[in-house]
Amino acid sequence: MNHETVPDRFDPWPPGIQPDVPIAGYPNTWTHTPSQPLIRRPATRTEATGPLRLHRKLPCGEANLAEPIPGRPAIGQLMHLAGQVLDEDGRPVRGAVVELWQANASGRYFNPIDQRAAPLDPNFVGNGRVRTDDEGRYAFFTIKPGAYPVPVKETWWRPPHVHFSVLGPSSLSRLVTQMYFAGDPLNAIDRILQSVPDEAARQRLIAKDRPPAEVGDLYLGFTFDIVLRGRHATPEAP
């Protein structure tokens, strides 16, 4: 193992990008957030260059969530979601593993923890994994998720959103985040989205609509670029 120090070109999380956690009214952030300040240590070549070839351990190719079995489409508004994974200098990240998970059209997850009365869709699991191409591009064909209430005493609703996990070329480029849809009235009261202090950073969590002339009349089109680290990084979202 090489412990040679590799200097960072940018602070990985400039002020205002990291969410303020734990988040009041969202119990998961209390159990998943360290109670003590993190110990800062210099990055070595081990963290900056590995692990390699993750796609061999994490098989990719699950891009069609809307109709994983031909002839059995999921219920909901079809959408095509695509974008690029970029580094802190704006260069495409080739071979990144991009994972997606989401609720179905009624706002329920295909997960035993989610026991709401909202219906499950037998043709929708809501999980996918792909690998970026040479230009850092990824794409999923899925359905637009529904909103759902947070099961706490003072209930609030989560807007439609999609979860992302990105495994880039090194452990320093690991990112878990969420994507939102422009114009949804629940965005303004979502405690996860609003936990990011910087307004410009919050806007980087909102997908861009693609005009119907580009995608046709069969599904909605959205673009969501993901930047790993640096001044214009896509914020983390718990």
C-alpha atoms as a PDB file:
ATOM      1  CA  MET A   1       0.000   0.000   0.000  1.00  0.00           C
ATOM      2  CA  ASN A   2       1.397   3.345  -1.017  1.00  0.00           C
ATOM      3  CA  HIS A   3       0.922   6.079   1.606  1.00  0.00           C
ATOM      4  CA  GLU A   4       2.293   8.868  -0.540  1.00  0.00           C
ATOM      5  CA  THR A   5       0.270  12.015   0.099  1.00  0.00           C
ATOM      6  CA  VAL A   6      -1.783  13.259  -2.845  1.00  0.00           C
ATOM      7  CA  PRO A   7      -2.675  16.968  -2.495  1.00  0.00           C
ATOM      8  CA  ASP A   8      -6.297  17.981  -3.171  1.00  0.00           C
ATOM      9  CA  ARG A   9      -6.735  20.614  -5.873  1.00  0.00           C
ATOM     10  CA  PHE A  10      -9.998  21.764  -4.327  1.00  0.00           C
ATOM     11  CA  ASP A  11     -11.655  21.475  -0.967  1.00  0.00           C
ATOM     12  CA  PRO A  12     -13.941  18.477  -1.606  1.00  0.00           C
ATOM     13  CA  TRP A  13     -16.895  20.247   0.012  1.00  0.00           C
ATOM     14  CA  PRO A  14     -16.891  24.053  -0.215  1.00  0.00           C
ATOM     15  CA  PRO A  15     -19.011  25.911   2.387  1.00  0.00           C
ATOM     16  CA  GLY A  16     -22.763  25.659   1.832  1.00  0.00           C
ATOM     17  CA  ILE A  17     -22.727  22.450  -0.225  1.00  0.00           C
ATOM     18  CA  GLN A  18     -22.812  19.896   2.586  1.00  0.00           C
ATOM     19  CA  PRO A  19     -26.316  19.468   4.066  1.00  0.00           C
ATOM     20  CA  ASP A  20     -26.869  20.563   7.641  1.00  0.00           C
ATOM     21  CA  VAL A  21     -27.462  17.297   9.472  1.00  0.00           C
ATOM     22  CA  PRO A  22     -29.071  15.817  11.451  1.00  0.00           C
ATOM     23  CA  ILE A  23     -32.361  17.089  10.018  1.00  0.00           C
ATOM     24  CA  ALA A  24     -35.223  17.791  12.416  1.00  0.00           C
ATOM     25  CA  GLY A  25     -38.271  15.675  11.624  1.00  0.00           C
ATOM     26  CA  TYR A  26     -36.308  13.092   9.630  1.00  0.00           C
ATOM     27  CA  PRO A  27     -35.266  10.300  12.036  1.00  0.00           C
ATOM     28  CA  ASN A  28     -32.876   8.516   9.648  1.00  0.00           C
ATOM     29  CA  THR A  29     -30.403  11.403   9.736  1.00  0.00           C
ATOM     30  CA  TRP A  30     -30.087  11.055  13.523  1.00  0.00           C
ATOM     31  CA  THR A  31     -29.053   7.396  13.235  1.00  0.00           C
ATOM     32  CA  HIS A  32     -26.860   7.839  10.137  1.00  0.00           C
ATOM     33  CA  THR A  33     -25.016  11.039  11.121  1.00  0.00           C
ATOM     34  CA  PRO A  34     -21.797  10.973  13.231  1.00  0.00           C
ATOM     35  CA  SER A  35     -22.267  12.567  16.638  1.00  0.00           C
ATOM     36  CA  GLN A  36     -18.612  13.686  16.770  1.00  0.00           C
ATOM     37  CA  PRO A  37     -16.600  15.785  14.283  1.00  0.00           C
ATOM     38  CA  LEU A  38     -14.867  13.739  11.604  1.00  0.00           C
ATOM     39  CA  ILE A  39     -11.135  13.152  11.875  1.00  0.00           C
ATOM     40  CA  ARG A  40      -9.441  14.893   8.953  1.00  0.00           C
ATOM     41  CA  ARG A  41      -6.498  13.083   7.381  1.00  0.00           C
ATOM     42  CA  PRO A  42      -4.540  13.686   4.175  1.00  0.00           C
ATOM     43  CA  ALA A  43      -5.563  11.681   1.134  1.00  0.00           C
ATOM     44  CA  THR A  44      -3.018   9.113  -0.021  1.00  0.00           C
ATOM     45  CA  ARG A  45      -2.679   7.439  -3.392  1.00  0.00           C
ATOM     46  CA  THR A  46      -4.705   4.533  -2.037  1.00  0.00           C
ATOM     47  CA  GLU A  47      -7.808   6.717  -1.656  1.00  0.00           C
ATOM     48  CA  ALA A  48      -7.122   8.749  -4.797  1.00  0.00           C
ATOM     49  CA  THR A  49      -6.740   5.877  -7.260  1.00  0.00           C
ATOM     50  CA  GLY A  50      -8.783   2.905  -6.049  1.00  0.00           C
ATOM     51  CA  PRO A  51     -10.590   0.631  -5.871  1.00  0.00           C
ATOM     52  CA  LEU A  52     -10.408  -0.268  -9.568  1.00  0.00           C
ATOM     53  CA  ARG A  53     -12.772  -2.176 -11.876  1.00  0.00           C
ATOM     54  CA  LEU A  54     -15.770  -1.988  -9.560  1.00  0.00           C
ATOM     55  CA  HIS A  55     -18.071  -2.941 -12.432  1.00  0.00           C
ATOM     56  CA  ARG A  56     -16.679  -6.468 -12.205  1.00  0.00           C
ATOM     57  CA  LYS A  57     -17.977  -6.778  -8.651  1.00  0.00           C
ATOM     58  CA  LEU A  58     -21.136  -4.724  -9.299  1.00  0.00           C
ATOM     59  CA  PRO A  59     -22.701  -6.003 -12.559  1.00  0.00           C
ATOM     60  CA  CYS A  60     -24.196  -3.179 -14.598  1.00  0.00           C
ATOM     61  CA  GLY A  61     -26.804  -3.050 -17.348  1.00  0.00           C
ATOM     62  CA  GLU A  62     -30.054  -2.571 -15.389  1.00  0.00           C
ATOM     63  CA  ALA A  63     -31.163   0.560 -17.228  1.00  0.00           C
ATOM     64  CA  ASN A  64     -34.812  -0.228 -17.994  1.00  0.00           C
ATOM     65  CA  LEU A  65     -36.834   0.060 -14.791  1.00  0.00           C
ATOM     66  CA  ALA A  66     -40.091   0.892 -16.591  1.00  0.00           C
ATOM     67  CA  GLU A  67     -40.350  -2.419 -18.448  1.00  0.00           C
ATOM     68  CA  PRO A  68     -37.779  -4.903 -17.137  1.00  0.00           C
ATOM     69  CA  ILE A  69     -39.885  -7.752 -18.552  1.00  0.00           C
ATOM     70  CA  PRO A  70     -41.107  -7.163 -22.137  1.00  0.00           C
ATOM     71  CA  GLY A  71     -44.863  -6.675 -22.282  1.00  0.00           C
ATOM     72  CA  ARG A  72     -45.213  -5.904 -18.559  1.00  0.00           C
ATOM     73  CA  PRO A  73     -44.729  -2.115 -18.188  1.00  0.00           C
ATOM     74  CA  ALA A  74     -44.807  -0.323 -14.869  1.00  0.00           C
ATOM     75  CA  ILE A  75     -47.709   1.964 -13.989  1.00  0.00           C
ATOM     76  CA  GLY A  76     -46.949   5.677 -14.126  1.00  0.00           C
ATOM     77  CA  GLN A  77     -45.600   8.502 -16.236  1.00  0.00           C
ATOM     78  CA  LEU A  78     -42.741   7.125 -18.325  1.00  0.00           C
ATOM     79  CA  MET A  79     -39.545   9.137 -18.280  1.00  0.00           C
ATOM     80  CA  HIS A  80     -36.051   8.952 -19.710  1.00  0.00           C
ATOM     81  CA  LEU A  81     -33.377  10.231 -17.350  1.00  0.00           C
ATOM     82  CA  ALA A  82     -29.840  10.837 -18.600  1.00  0.00           C
ATOM     83  CA  GLY A  83     -26.774  12.895 -17.836  1.00  0.00           C
ATOM     84  CA  GLN A  84     -23.019  12.968 -17.373  1.00  0.00           C
ATOM     85  CA  VAL A  85     -20.782  12.204 -14.434  1.00  0.00           C
ATOM     86  CA  LEU A  86     -18.021  14.828 -14.277  1.00  0.00           C
ATOM     87  CA  ASP A  87     -14.972  15.463 -12.116  1.00  0.00           C
ATOM     88  CA  GLU A  88     -14.049  18.707 -10.342  1.00  0.00           C
ATOM     89  CA  ASP A  89     -12.521  20.074 -13.559  1.00  0.00           C
ATOM     90  CA  GLY A  90     -15.632  19.333 -15.615  1.00  0.00           C
ATOM     91  CA  ARG A  91     -14.078  16.332 -17.385  1.00  0.00           C
ATOM     92  CA  PRO A  92     -16.190  13.215 -18.054  1.00  0.00           C
ATOM     93  CA  VAL A  93     -15.704  10.339 -15.619  1.00  0.00           C
ATOM     94  CA  ARG A  94     -15.463   7.165 -17.662  1.00  0.00           C
ATOM     95  CA  GLY A  95     -16.503   3.831 -16.158  1.00  0.00           C
ATOM     96  CA  ALA A  96     -18.273   5.221 -13.078  1.00  0.00           C
ATOM     97  CA  VAL A  97     -20.903   2.941 -11.558  1.00  0.00           C
ATOM     98  CA  VAL A  98     -24.231   4.797 -11.258  1.00  0.00           C
ATOM     99  CA  GLU A  99     -26.972   3.261  -9.104  1.00  0.00           C
ATOM    100  CA  LEU A 100     -30.548   4.533  -8.947  1.00  0.00           C
ATOM    101  CA  TRP A 101     -33.442   3.688  -6.640  1.00  0.00           C
ATOM    102  CA  GLN A 102     -36.868   5.295  -6.258  1.00  0.00           C
ATOM    103  CA  ALA A 103     -40.466   4.940  -5.144  1.00  0.00           C
ATOM    104  CA  ASN A 104     -43.173   3.853  -7.569  1.00  0.00           C
ATOM    105  CA  ALA A 105     -45.908   6.096  -8.995  1.00  0.00           C
ATOM    106  CA  SER A 106     -47.884   5.928  -5.735  1.00  0.00           C
ATOM    107  CA  GLY A 107     -44.879   6.943  -3.657  1.00  0.00           C
ATOM    108  CA  ARG A 108     -44.102   3.509  -2.210  1.00  0.00           C
ATOM    109  CA  TYR A 109     -40.775   1.693  -2.243  1.00  0.00           C
ATOM    110  CA  PHE A 110     -40.399  -1.984  -3.086  1.00  0.00           C
ATOM    111  CA  ASN A 111     -38.830  -2.570   0.309  1.00  0.00           C
ATOM    112  CA  PRO A 112     -40.088  -4.440   3.392  1.00  0.00           C
ATOM    113  CA  ILE A 113     -39.444  -1.358   5.524  1.00  0.00           C
ATOM    114  CA  ASP A 114     -42.071   0.604   3.571  1.00  0.00           C
ATOM    115  CA  GLN A 115     -45.410  -0.642   4.928  1.00  0.00           C
ATOM    116  CA  ARG A 116     -47.663   2.238   3.866  1.00  0.00           C
ATOM    117  CA  ALA A 117     -51.124   1.496   2.518  1.00  0.00           C
ATOM    118  CA  ALA A 118     -50.127   2.855  -0.908  1.00  0.00           C
ATOM    119  CA  PRO A 119     -50.185   0.104  -3.557  1.00  0.00           C
ATOM    120  CA  LEU A 120     -47.160  -1.747  -4.839  1.00  0.00           C
ATOM    121  CA  ASP A 121     -46.663  -2.236  -8.561  1.00  0.00           C
ATOM    122  CA  PRO A 122     -45.918  -5.894  -9.427  1.00  0.00           C
ATOM    123  CA  ASN A 123     -43.999  -4.714 -12.502  1.00  0.00           C
ATOM    124  CA  PHE A 124     -41.816  -2.133 -10.772  1.00  0.00           C
ATOM    125  CA  VAL A 125     -38.939  -2.757  -8.383  1.00  0.00           C
ATOM    126  CA  GLY A 126     -37.310   0.665  -8.710  1.00  0.00           C
ATOM    127  CA  ASN A 127     -33.602  -0.268  -8.680  1.00  0.00           C
ATOM    128  CA  GLY A 128     -31.080   0.062 -11.498  1.00  0.00           C
ATOM    129  CA  ARG A 129     -27.334   0.165 -12.113  1.00  0.00           C
ATOM    130  CA  VAL A 130     -25.357   1.263 -15.166  1.00  0.00           C
ATOM    131  CA  ARG A 131     -21.784   2.184 -16.070  1.00  0.00           C
ATOM    132  CA  THR A 132     -20.844   5.476 -17.691  1.00  0.00           C
ATOM    133  CA  ASP A 133     -19.447   5.437 -21.227  1.00  0.00           C
ATOM    134  CA  ASP A 134     -16.274   7.119 -22.492  1.00  0.00           C
ATOM    135  CA  GLU A 135     -18.001  10.533 -22.299  1.00  0.00           C
ATOM    136  CA  GLY A 136     -19.199   9.964 -18.747  1.00  0.00           C
ATOM    137  CA  ARG A 137     -22.796   9.495 -19.887  1.00  0.00           C
ATOM    138  CA  TYR A 138     -25.446   7.353 -18.202  1.00  0.00           C
ATOM    139  CA  ALA A 139     -29.170   6.815 -18.871  1.00  0.00           C
ATOM    140  CA  PHE A 140     -32.205   5.147 -17.288  1.00  0.00           C
ATOM    141  CA  PHE A 141     -35.709   4.475 -18.608  1.00  0.00           C
ATOM    142  CA  THR A 142     -38.126   4.567 -15.678  1.00  0.00           C
ATOM    143  CA  ILE A 143     -41.309   6.201 -14.335  1.00  0.00           C
ATOM    144  CA  LYS A 144     -41.754   9.407 -12.410  1.00  0.00           C
ATOM    145  CA  PRO A 145     -41.994   8.614  -8.687  1.00  0.00           C
ATOM    146  CA  GLY A 146     -44.840   9.801  -6.487  1.00  0.00           C
ATOM    147  CA  ALA A 147     -44.712  11.911  -3.331  1.00  0.00           C
ATOM    148  CA  TYR A 148     -45.116  10.342   0.100  1.00  0.00           C
ATOM    149  CA  PRO A 149     -45.549  11.429   3.740  1.00  0.00           C
ATOM    150  CA  VAL A 150     -42.744  11.108   6.275  1.00  0.00           C
ATOM    151  CA  PRO A 151     -44.012   8.951   9.178  1.00  0.00           C
ATOM    152  CA  VAL A 152     -43.358  11.353  12.040  1.00  0.00           C
ATOM    153  CA  LYS A 153     -45.675  13.091  14.525  1.00  0.00           C
ATOM    154  CA  GLU A 154     -45.649  16.379  12.607  1.00  0.00           C
ATOM    155  CA  THR A 155     -46.080  14.852   9.155  1.00  0.00           C
ATOM    156  CA  TRP A 156     -44.537  16.458   6.113  1.00  0.00           C
ATOM    157  CA  TRP A 157     -44.405  15.202   2.546  1.00  0.00           C
ATOM    158  CA  ARG A 158     -41.404  14.335   0.452  1.00  0.00           C
ATOM    159  CA  PRO A 159     -41.671  15.570  -3.157  1.00  0.00           C
ATOM    160  CA  PRO A 160     -41.041  13.207  -6.081  1.00  0.00           C
ATOM    161  CA  HIS A 161     -37.323  12.422  -6.078  1.00  0.00           C
ATOM    162  CA  VAL A 162     -34.809   9.854  -7.257  1.00  0.00           C
ATOM    163  CA  HIS A 163     -31.887   8.501  -5.213  1.00  0.00           C
ATOM    164  CA  PHE A 164     -28.443   8.182  -6.782  1.00  0.00           C
ATOM    165  CA  SER A 165     -25.252   6.475  -5.698  1.00  0.00           C
ATOM    166  CA  VAL A 166     -22.126   7.100  -7.770  1.00  0.00           C
ATOM    167  CA  LEU A 167     -18.907   5.128  -7.447  1.00  0.00           C
ATOM    168  CA  GLY A 168     -16.248   6.994  -9.392  1.00  0.00           C
ATOM    169  CA  PRO A 169     -12.594   6.131 -10.058  1.00  0.00           C
ATOM    170  CA  SER A 170     -11.586   6.353  -6.391  1.00  0.00           C
ATOM    171  CA  SER A 171     -13.017   6.183  -2.902  1.00  0.00           C
ATOM    172  CA  LEU A 172     -12.835   9.990  -2.792  1.00  0.00           C
ATOM    173  CA  SER A 173     -15.384  10.200  -5.619  1.00  0.00           C
ATOM    174  CA  ARG A 174     -18.129   8.287  -3.793  1.00  0.00           C
ATOM    175  CA  LEU A 175     -21.386  10.252  -3.758  1.00  0.00           C
ATOM    176  CA  VAL A 176     -24.904   9.525  -2.500  1.00  0.00           C
ATOM    177  CA  THR A 177     -27.453  12.141  -3.460  1.00  0.00           C
ATOM    178  CA  GLN A 178     -31.022  12.804  -4.589  1.00  0.00           C
ATOM    179  CA  MET A 179     -32.549  14.383  -7.681  1.00  0.00           C
ATOM    180  CA  TYR A 180     -35.696  16.537  -7.719  1.00  0.00           C
ATOM    181  CA  PHE A 181     -38.085  17.831 -10.366  1.00  0.00           C
ATOM    182  CA  ALA A 182     -38.402  21.525 -11.240  1.00  0.00           C
ATOM    183  CA  GLY A 183     -41.567  23.328 -10.241  1.00  0.00           C
ATOM    184  CA  ASP A 184     -42.881  20.810  -7.738  1.00  0.00           C
ATOM    185  CA  PRO A 185     -44.572  22.739  -4.878  1.00  0.00           C
ATOM    186  CA  LEU A 186     -43.300  20.260  -2.284  1.00  0.00           C
ATOM    187  CA  ASN A 187     -39.669  21.148  -3.063  1.00  0.00           C
ATOM    188  CA  ALA A 188     -39.940  24.311  -0.986  1.00  0.00           C
ATOM    189  CA  ILE A 189     -40.891  22.403   2.180  1.00  0.00           C
ATOM    190  CA  ASP A 190     -38.732  19.324   1.705  1.00  0.00           C
ATOM    191  CA  ARG A 191     -36.394  19.228   4.673  1.00  0.00           C
ATOM    192  CA  ILE A 192     -33.800  17.158   2.831  1.00  0.00           C
ATOM    193  CA  LEU A 193     -33.503  19.559  -0.100  1.00  0.00           C
ATOM    194  CA  GLN A 194     -33.662  22.614   2.138  1.00  0.00           C
ATOM    195  CA  SER A 195     -30.907  21.237   4.393  1.00  0.00           C
ATOM    196  CA  VAL A 196     -28.383  22.344   1.745  1.00  0.00           C
ATOM    197  CA  PRO A 197     -27.646  25.968   2.766  1.00  0.00           C
ATOM    198  CA  ASP A 198     -26.439  27.314  -0.590  1.00  0.00           C
ATOM    199  CA  GLU A 199     -29.211  28.123  -3.105  1.00  0.00           C
ATOM    200  CA  ALA A 200     -26.994  27.516  -6.127  1.00  0.00           C
ATOM    201  CA  ALA A 201     -26.024  24.119  -4.711  1.00  0.00           C
ATOM    202  CA  ARG A 202     -29.698  23.239  -4.167  1.00  0.00           C
ATOM    203  CA  GLN A 203     -30.402  24.028  -7.805  1.00  0.00           C
ATOM    204  CA  ARG A 204     -27.789  21.444  -8.784  1.00  0.00           C
ATOM    205  CA  LEU A 205     -30.089  18.805  -7.252  1.00  0.00           C
ATOM    206  CA  ILE A 206     -32.938  19.646  -9.637  1.00  0.00           C
ATOM    207  CA  ALA A 207     -33.165  17.930 -13.022  1.00  0.00           C
ATOM    208  CA  LYS A 208     -33.511  19.931 -16.222  1.00  0.00           C
ATOM    209  CA  ASP A 209     -36.545  19.289 -18.413  1.00  0.00           C
ATOM    210  CA  ARG A 210     -35.896  18.246 -21.985  1.00  0.00           C
ATOM    211  CA  PRO A 211     -38.310  19.752 -24.537  1.00  0.00           C
ATOM    212  CA  PRO A 212     -40.828  17.333 -26.112  1.00  0.00           C
ATOM    213  CA  ALA A 213     -39.359  18.094 -29.538  1.00  0.00           C
ATOM    214  CA  GLU A 214     -36.198  16.275 -28.435  1.00  0.00           C
ATOM    215  CA  VAL A 215     -37.779  13.203 -26.827  1.00  0.00           C
ATOM    216  CA  GLY A 216     -41.103  12.722 -28.637  1.00  0.00           C
ATOM    217  CA  ASP A 217     -44.523  11.928 -27.180  1.00  0.00           C
ATOM    218  CA  LEU A 218     -43.912   8.557 -25.503  1.00  0.00           C
ATOM    219  CA  TYR A 219     -42.187   9.748 -22.316  1.00  0.00           C
ATOM    220  CA  LEU A 220     -40.857  12.780 -20.464  1.00  0.00           C
ATOM    221  CA  GLY A 221     -37.169  13.589 -20.751  1.00  0.00           C
ATOM    222  CA  PHE A 222     -34.873  14.891 -18.003  1.00  0.00           C
ATOM    223  CA  THR A 223     -31.160  15.684 -17.768  1.00  0.00           C
ATOM    224  CA  PHE A 224     -29.238  15.403 -14.493  1.00  0.00           C
ATOM    225  CA  ASP A 225     -25.473  15.913 -14.501  1.00  0.00           C
ATOM    226  CA  ILE A 226     -23.500  14.802 -11.443  1.00  0.00           C
ATOM    227  CA  VAL A 227     -20.244  16.517 -10.444  1.00  0.00           C
ATOM    228  CA  LEU A 228     -17.925  14.642  -8.068  1.00  0.00           C
ATOM    229  CA  ARG A 229     -16.176  16.991  -5.630  1.00  0.00           C
ATOM    230  CA  GLY A 230     -14.839  20.481  -6.269  1.00  0.00           C
ATOM    231  CA  ARG A 231     -16.391  23.951  -6.204  1.00  0.00           C
ATOM    232  CA  HIS A 232     -19.392  22.922  -8.338  1.00  0.00           C
ATOM    233  CA  ALA A 233     -19.970  19.539  -6.742  1.00  0.00           C
ATOM    234  CA  THR A 234     -23.392  17.970  -6.634  1.00  0.00           C
ATOM    235  CA  PRO A 235     -24.365  18.090  -2.931  1.00  0.00           C
ATOM    236  CA  GLU A 236     -24.719  14.990  -0.849  1.00  0.00           C
ATOM    237  CA  ALA A 237     -28.280  14.166   0.223  1.00  0.00           C
ATOM    238  CA  PRO A 238     -28.952  11.704   3.047  1.00  0.00           C
END
